[in-house]
Amino acid sequence: MGTGIAQLVATHGCFVNIIDSVPDALHHSKSNLHSVLNRLIEKVKISEADS
């Protein structure tokens, strides 16, 4: 849920920091966020500069 909120806020122009006490969860969130943003770029929903 936190990754989705971070993605929504980031795509609206805000800087986002994701913090988690579990390093693996943080890595997983970062990986998911990159995947979602890359899919949005491929579908031309956002520009690469917006990601």
N, C-alpha and C. Protein backbone atom coordinates (compact mmCIF):
# COMPACT_ATOMS: atom_id res chain seq x y z
N MET A 1 0.82 -1.19 0.00
CA MET A 1 0.00 0.00 0.00
C MET A 1 0.87 1.25 0.00
N GLY A 2 1.92 1.28 0.78
CA GLY A 2 2.78 2.45 0.86
C GLY A 2 3.46 2.76 -0.46
N THR A 3 3.84 1.71 -1.21
CA THR A 3 4.48 1.93 -2.50
C THR A 3 3.52 2.58 -3.48
N GLY A 4 2.27 2.17 -3.46
CA GLY A 4 1.27 2.78 -4.33
C GLY A 4 1.04 4.24 -4.01
N ILE A 5 1.02 4.56 -2.74
CA ILE A 5 0.86 5.96 -2.32
C ILE A 5 2.08 6.76 -2.76
N ALA A 6 3.26 6.20 -2.57
CA ALA A 6 4.49 6.87 -2.99
C ALA A 6 4.49 7.13 -4.49
N GLN A 7 4.04 6.16 -5.26
CA GLN A 7 3.99 6.31 -6.72
C GLN A 7 3.01 7.40 -7.11
N LEU A 8 1.86 7.43 -6.50
CA LEU A 8 0.85 8.44 -6.80
C LEU A 8 1.37 9.84 -6.50
N VAL A 9 1.97 10.01 -5.35
CA VAL A 9 2.49 11.32 -4.95
C VAL A 9 3.66 11.73 -5.86
N ALA A 10 4.54 10.79 -6.17
CA ALA A 10 5.70 11.09 -7.02
C ALA A 10 5.29 11.49 -8.43
N THR A 11 4.28 10.82 -8.98
CA THR A 11 3.85 11.16 -10.34
C THR A 11 3.10 12.48 -10.39
N HIS A 12 2.80 13.04 -9.25
CA HIS A 12 2.19 14.37 -9.20
C HIS A 12 3.20 15.45 -8.84
N GLY A 13 4.50 15.11 -8.96
CA GLY A 13 5.55 16.10 -8.84
C GLY A 13 6.20 16.28 -7.49
N CYS A 14 5.86 15.45 -6.54
CA CYS A 14 6.47 15.59 -5.21
C CYS A 14 7.64 14.61 -5.06
N PHE A 15 8.64 15.02 -4.30
CA PHE A 15 9.73 14.12 -3.97
C PHE A 15 9.25 13.19 -2.86
N VAL A 16 9.66 11.91 -2.96
CA VAL A 16 9.18 10.89 -2.03
C VAL A 16 10.37 10.12 -1.47
N ASN A 17 10.35 9.88 -0.18
CA ASN A 17 11.30 8.98 0.48
C ASN A 17 10.51 7.81 1.04
N ILE A 18 10.95 6.61 0.71
CA ILE A 18 10.32 5.41 1.25
C ILE A 18 11.24 4.87 2.34
N ILE A 19 10.70 4.68 3.51
CA ILE A 19 11.47 4.20 4.66
C ILE A 19 10.81 2.94 5.19
N ASP A 20 11.62 1.94 5.49
CA ASP A 20 11.10 0.70 6.06
C ASP A 20 12.15 0.12 6.99
N SER A 21 11.71 -0.48 8.06
CA SER A 21 12.65 -1.08 9.02
C SER A 21 13.19 -2.42 8.54
N VAL A 22 12.59 -2.97 7.50
CA VAL A 22 13.02 -4.25 6.95
C VAL A 22 13.68 -4.00 5.59
N PRO A 23 15.00 -4.19 5.48
CA PRO A 23 15.70 -3.89 4.22
C PRO A 23 15.12 -4.61 3.00
N ASP A 24 14.71 -5.87 3.17
CA ASP A 24 14.15 -6.61 2.04
C ASP A 24 12.84 -5.99 1.56
N ALA A 25 12.02 -5.52 2.48
CA ALA A 25 10.76 -4.87 2.10
C ALA A 25 11.03 -3.58 1.36
N LEU A 26 12.03 -2.85 1.78
CA LEU A 26 12.40 -1.60 1.11
C LEU A 26 12.88 -1.89 -0.31
N HIS A 27 13.71 -2.89 -0.46
CA HIS A 27 14.20 -3.28 -1.79
C HIS A 27 13.03 -3.71 -2.68
N HIS A 28 12.10 -4.48 -2.14
CA HIS A 28 10.93 -4.94 -2.88
C HIS A 28 10.08 -3.75 -3.32
N SER A 29 9.86 -2.79 -2.45
CA SER A 29 9.07 -1.60 -2.78
C SER A 29 9.74 -0.80 -3.89
N LYS A 30 11.04 -0.62 -3.79
CA LYS A 30 11.78 0.13 -4.80
C LYS A 30 11.70 -0.57 -6.15
N SER A 31 11.85 -1.87 -6.15
CA SER A 31 11.76 -2.64 -7.39
C SER A 31 10.37 -2.53 -8.02
N ASN A 32 9.33 -2.65 -7.19
CA ASN A 32 7.96 -2.53 -7.69
C ASN A 32 7.71 -1.14 -8.25
N LEU A 33 8.20 -0.12 -7.58
CA LEU A 33 8.00 1.25 -8.02
C LEU A 33 8.66 1.48 -9.38
N HIS A 34 9.86 0.98 -9.56
CA HIS A 34 10.54 1.11 -10.85
C HIS A 34 9.76 0.39 -11.94
N SER A 35 9.24 -0.78 -11.66
CA SER A 35 8.46 -1.54 -12.64
C SER A 35 7.21 -0.79 -13.06
N VAL A 36 6.49 -0.25 -12.10
CA VAL A 36 5.26 0.49 -12.39
C VAL A 36 5.57 1.73 -13.22
N LEU A 37 6.58 2.48 -12.83
CA LEU A 37 6.93 3.69 -13.58
C LEU A 37 7.39 3.36 -14.99
N ASN A 38 8.15 2.29 -15.16
CA ASN A 38 8.57 1.89 -16.51
C ASN A 38 7.39 1.49 -17.37
N ARG A 39 6.41 0.80 -16.80
CA ARG A 39 5.20 0.44 -17.56
C ARG A 39 4.43 1.68 -17.96
N LEU A 40 4.32 2.66 -17.07
CA LEU A 40 3.62 3.90 -17.40
C LEU A 40 4.34 4.66 -18.52
N ILE A 41 5.67 4.65 -18.50
CA ILE A 41 6.44 5.29 -19.57
C ILE A 41 6.19 4.58 -20.89
N GLU A 42 6.23 3.24 -20.88
CA GLU A 42 6.01 2.46 -22.10
C GLU A 42 4.62 2.71 -22.68
N LYS A 43 3.64 2.89 -21.83
CA LYS A 43 2.27 3.12 -22.29
C LYS A 43 2.02 4.60 -22.58
N VAL A 44 3.06 5.41 -22.46
CA VAL A 44 3.01 6.86 -22.70
C VAL A 44 1.99 7.54 -21.79
N LYS A 45 1.82 7.00 -20.60
CA LYS A 45 0.95 7.62 -19.60
C LYS A 45 1.69 8.76 -18.90
N ILE A 46 3.03 8.60 -18.78
CA ILE A 46 3.86 9.65 -18.19
C ILE A 46 5.13 9.75 -19.03
N SER A 47 5.80 10.88 -18.95
CA SER A 47 7.07 11.04 -19.65
C SER A 47 8.19 10.49 -18.77
N GLU A 48 9.32 10.24 -19.40
CA GLU A 48 10.46 9.74 -18.62
C GLU A 48 10.91 10.78 -17.61
N ALA A 49 10.77 12.06 -17.94
CA ALA A 49 11.14 13.13 -17.01
C ALA A 49 10.23 13.13 -15.79
N ASP A 50 8.96 12.74 -15.95
CA ASP A 50 8.02 12.71 -14.83
C ASP A 50 8.30 11.56 -13.88
N SER A 51 8.96 10.52 -14.38
CA SER A 51 9.22 9.37 -13.52
C SER A 51 10.37 9.68 -12.61
